[in-house]
Protein backbone atom coordinates (compact mmCIF):
# COMPACT_ATOMS: atom_id res chain seq x y z
CA UNK A 1 -50.74 25.74 -10.69
CA UNK A 2 -49.20 28.87 -9.20
CA UNK A 3 -45.90 30.23 -10.44
CA UNK A 4 -44.07 29.85 -7.07
CA UNK A 5 -45.09 26.21 -6.97
CA UNK A 6 -43.80 25.61 -10.51
CA UNK A 7 -40.47 27.20 -9.60
CA UNK A 8 -40.17 24.97 -6.54
CA UNK A 9 -40.85 21.84 -8.60
CA UNK A 10 -38.26 22.83 -11.22
CA UNK A 11 -35.64 23.48 -8.56
CA UNK A 12 -36.42 20.14 -6.92
CA UNK A 13 -36.00 18.30 -10.23
CA UNK A 14 -32.71 20.05 -10.93
CA UNK A 15 -31.39 19.26 -7.47
CA UNK A 16 -32.46 15.62 -7.72
CA UNK A 17 -30.91 15.25 -11.16
CA UNK A 18 -27.62 16.71 -9.97
CA UNK A 19 -27.28 14.52 -6.91
CA UNK A 20 -28.64 11.18 -8.11
CA UNK A 21 -25.52 10.13 -10.13
CA UNK A 22 -23.26 10.74 -7.12
CA UNK A 23 -25.55 8.80 -4.81
CA UNK A 24 -25.92 5.87 -7.20
CA UNK A 25 -22.64 5.49 -9.05
CA UNK A 26 -19.79 7.69 -7.89
CA UNK A 27 -17.38 7.28 -5.01
CA UNK A 28 -16.60 10.66 -3.46
CA UNK A 29 -14.45 9.35 -0.62
CA UNK A 30 -10.96 10.88 -0.22
CA UNK A 31 -7.75 9.20 0.91
CA UNK A 32 -7.70 11.36 4.02
CA UNK A 33 -11.14 10.00 4.96
CA UNK A 34 -10.30 6.29 4.79
CA UNK A 35 -10.45 4.40 8.09
CA UNK A 36 -7.67 2.12 9.33
CA UNK A 37 -9.17 -1.07 7.91
CA UNK A 38 -7.78 -4.42 9.04
CA UNK A 39 -7.35 -5.47 5.39
CA UNK A 40 -4.70 -2.75 4.92
CA UNK A 41 -2.55 -4.33 7.66
CA UNK A 42 -1.65 -0.98 9.20
CA UNK A 43 -0.32 0.48 5.96
CA UNK A 44 -1.69 3.73 4.54
CA UNK A 45 -0.97 5.71 1.43
CA UNK A 46 1.21 8.71 2.15
CA UNK A 47 3.27 7.07 4.89
CA UNK A 48 7.02 7.61 4.57
CA UNK A 49 9.71 5.06 3.83
CA UNK A 50 10.88 5.34 7.45
CA UNK A 51 7.36 4.62 8.70
CA UNK A 52 7.18 1.52 6.50
CA UNK A 53 10.58 0.45 7.82
CA UNK A 54 9.41 0.95 11.40
CA UNK A 55 6.43 -1.31 10.75
CA UNK A 56 8.42 -4.02 8.94
CA UNK A 57 12.13 -3.66 9.84
CA UNK A 58 13.08 -6.45 7.42
CA UNK A 59 11.88 -4.56 4.35
CA UNK A 60 14.54 -3.64 1.79
CA UNK A 61 14.16 -0.72 -0.63
CA UNK A 62 15.95 -0.38 -3.94
CA UNK A 63 17.22 2.89 -5.36
CA UNK A 64 14.65 5.34 -6.69
CA UNK A 65 14.59 5.70 -10.47
CA UNK A 66 14.99 8.98 -12.36
CA UNK A 67 11.31 9.75 -11.75
CA UNK A 68 11.53 9.34 -7.98
CA UNK A 69 9.85 5.91 -7.93
CA UNK A 70 11.02 2.98 -5.82
CA UNK A 71 9.39 -0.41 -5.34
CA UNK A 72 9.66 -3.35 -3.00
CA UNK A 73 7.79 -6.51 -2.03
CA UNK A 74 7.34 -8.11 1.37
CA UNK A 75 6.86 -11.89 1.42
CA UNK A 76 5.84 -13.09 4.90
CA UNK A 77 5.68 -16.69 3.64
CA UNK A 78 9.30 -16.84 2.53
CA UNK A 79 11.11 -14.51 4.92
CA UNK A 80 11.77 -16.33 8.22
CA UNK A 81 12.67 -13.03 9.91
CA UNK A 82 9.11 -11.73 9.61
CA UNK A 83 6.56 -12.43 12.33
CA UNK A 84 3.88 -14.27 10.34
CA UNK A 85 1.29 -13.81 13.08
CA UNK A 86 1.10 -10.14 12.04
CA UNK A 87 0.33 -11.11 8.45
CA UNK A 88 -2.11 -13.98 8.72
CA UNK A 89 -3.34 -15.26 5.34
CA UNK A 90 -1.08 -12.76 3.55
CA UNK A 91 0.98 -14.03 0.63
CA UNK A 92 2.69 -10.82 -0.45
CA UNK A 93 2.68 -7.04 -0.01
CA UNK A 94 3.91 -4.87 -2.88
CA UNK A 95 4.75 -1.24 -2.20
CA UNK A 96 5.35 1.62 -4.65
CA UNK A 97 6.79 4.88 -3.35
CA UNK A 98 7.14 8.28 -4.97
CA UNK A 99 9.65 10.68 -3.40
CA UNK A 100 9.85 8.29 -0.42
CA UNK A 101 6.10 8.28 0.23
CA UNK A 102 3.81 5.27 -0.24
CA UNK A 103 1.59 5.75 -3.29
CA UNK A 104 0.51 2.21 -4.14
CA UNK A 105 -0.26 -0.74 -1.87
CA UNK A 106 -0.99 -4.19 -3.29
CA UNK A 107 -1.83 -6.94 -0.81
CA UNK A 108 -2.20 -10.52 -1.97
CA UNK A 109 -4.05 -12.86 0.36
CA UNK A 110 -3.92 -16.64 0.14
CA UNK A 111 -6.72 -19.19 -0.19
CA UNK A 112 -7.27 -19.27 3.59
CA UNK A 113 -8.42 -15.64 3.73
CA UNK A 114 -11.89 -15.12 5.18
CA UNK A 115 -13.36 -13.72 1.95
CA UNK A 116 -13.07 -15.69 -1.27
CA UNK A 117 -14.25 -14.76 -4.75
CA UNK A 118 -14.43 -11.30 -6.30
CA UNK A 119 -17.99 -10.50 -5.25
CA UNK A 120 -17.48 -11.45 -1.61
CA UNK A 121 -14.15 -9.64 -1.41
CA UNK A 122 -15.55 -6.46 -3.00
CA UNK A 123 -18.27 -6.37 -0.36
CA UNK A 124 -15.72 -6.84 2.42
CA UNK A 125 -13.47 -4.08 1.09
CA UNK A 126 -16.39 -1.70 0.59
CA UNK A 127 -17.62 -2.27 4.13
CA UNK A 128 -14.16 -2.04 5.73
CA UNK A 129 -13.11 1.11 3.89
CA UNK A 130 -16.62 2.56 4.08
CA UNK A 131 -16.72 3.37 0.37
CA UNK A 132 -19.82 3.43 -1.79
CA UNK A 133 -20.28 3.58 -5.52
CA UNK A 134 -20.52 1.33 -8.54
CA UNK A 135 -17.59 -1.03 -9.07
CA UNK A 136 -16.71 -1.69 -12.71
CA UNK A 137 -14.82 -4.29 -14.70
CA UNK A 138 -11.03 -4.13 -14.56
CA UNK A 139 -9.29 -5.65 -17.60
CA UNK A 140 -11.63 -8.62 -17.56
CA UNK A 141 -9.87 -9.96 -14.46
CA UNK A 142 -11.46 -8.15 -11.55
CA UNK A 143 -13.30 -5.07 -10.32
CA UNK A 144 -12.29 -1.46 -9.73
CA UNK A 145 -13.69 1.55 -7.94
CA UNK A 146 -12.50 5.08 -8.72
CA UNK A 147 -12.91 7.61 -5.94
CA UNK A 148 -11.96 11.28 -5.58
CA UNK A 149 -8.18 10.84 -5.37
CA UNK A 150 -7.58 7.09 -5.23
CA UNK A 151 -8.48 3.86 -6.99
CA UNK A 152 -9.27 0.40 -5.64
CA UNK A 153 -8.63 -2.75 -7.67
CA UNK A 154 -9.69 -6.26 -6.67
CA UNK A 155 -8.56 -9.41 -8.49
CA UNK A 156 -7.93 -13.08 -7.75
CA UNK A 157 -4.35 -14.40 -7.90
CA UNK A 158 -3.35 -18.02 -7.31
CA UNK A 159 -6.68 -18.84 -5.68
CA UNK A 160 -6.67 -15.91 -3.27
CA UNK A 161 -8.06 -12.36 -3.41
CA UNK A 162 -5.80 -9.35 -3.94
CA UNK A 163 -6.42 -5.69 -3.19
CA UNK A 164 -4.59 -2.74 -4.67
CA UNK A 165 -5.12 0.84 -3.56
CA UNK A 166 -3.27 3.56 -5.42
CA UNK A 167 -2.92 7.32 -5.26
CA UNK A 168 -4.25 8.70 -8.55
CA UNK A 169 -2.51 12.04 -8.06
CA UNK A 170 0.86 10.33 -7.66
CA UNK A 171 0.26 8.38 -10.88
CA UNK A 172 -0.36 11.70 -12.63
CA UNK A 173 2.89 13.14 -11.24
CA UNK A 174 4.91 10.20 -12.56
CA UNK A 175 3.20 10.44 -15.95
CA UNK A 176 3.98 14.17 -16.11
CA UNK A 177 7.64 13.55 -15.26
CA UNK A 178 7.89 10.88 -17.96
CA UNK A 179 6.32 13.23 -20.48
CA UNK A 180 8.70 16.04 -19.51
CA UNK A 181 11.70 13.75 -19.95
CA UNK A 182 10.48 12.61 -23.37
CA UNK A 183 10.10 16.23 -24.45
CA UNK A 184 13.58 17.11 -23.20
CA UNK A 185 15.09 14.09 -24.95
CA UNK A 186 13.26 14.98 -28.16
CA UNK A 187 14.44 18.60 -27.98
CA UNK A 188 18.03 17.51 -27.34
CA UNK A 189 17.89 15.14 -30.32
CA UNK A 190 16.55 17.92 -32.56
CA UNK A 191 19.36 20.27 -31.50
CA UNK A 192 21.93 17.53 -32.10
CA UNK A 193 20.57 16.82 -35.59
CA UNK A 194 20.62 20.54 -36.45
CA UNK A 195 24.24 20.84 -35.31
CA UNK A 196 25.26 17.88 -37.48
CA UNK A 197 23.58 19.39 -40.55
CA UNK A 198 25.33 22.73 -39.98
CA UNK A 199 28.66 20.96 -39.54
CA UNK A 200 28.19 19.05 -42.77
CA UNK A 201 27.43 22.27 -44.68
CA UNK A 202 30.49 24.05 -43.30
CA UNK A 203 32.70 21.11 -44.23
CA UNK A 204 31.09 21.04 -47.68
CA UNK A 205 30.29 17.36 -47.35
CA UNK A 206 27.52 16.14 -49.62
CA UNK A 207 25.69 12.82 -49.74
CA UNK A 208 24.14 11.03 -52.69
CA UNK A 209 20.41 10.55 -52.32
């Protein structure tokens, strides 16, 4: 076998080995590439609070917490002001926002939804969002698919399928803010303890061990 041919074969094997895992098991889709699937009901991650309000005027938002997170839930079943024809087979819609932008969308469908059961619903979601990759177990209750910058979770609640799509980057931002606050609180506590010890020494106050 000639040397050029050997080199070509080696390069082919390396290329195949590098691309096979992506083709078989990884989802490389990005949030910006997701289509407007019917199952998302017109919502999309990244939309602003005002855009959510324009879509569902009845929605009420609470105050954002110290990390910039606010949450709300829309219940078409129980809110007579909401046009239920726009949310057919939808039991609830839970929204998480970070800095007034939607970062997590959780839609719970009822038992009349067209796809029932985890396997059937996973196939529907994969086809609608045009995502590929290997779904894995999620806490023994459902399936999940991790993509480039978002995660999909499918479970069954009260006899109906539920879909959650969340912005992984936003989750990291919240985690970083929590960590920063913990470090600040810890530093403040250390400074306070040191000041108390110094004060005790200056006052010549001693404690029995």
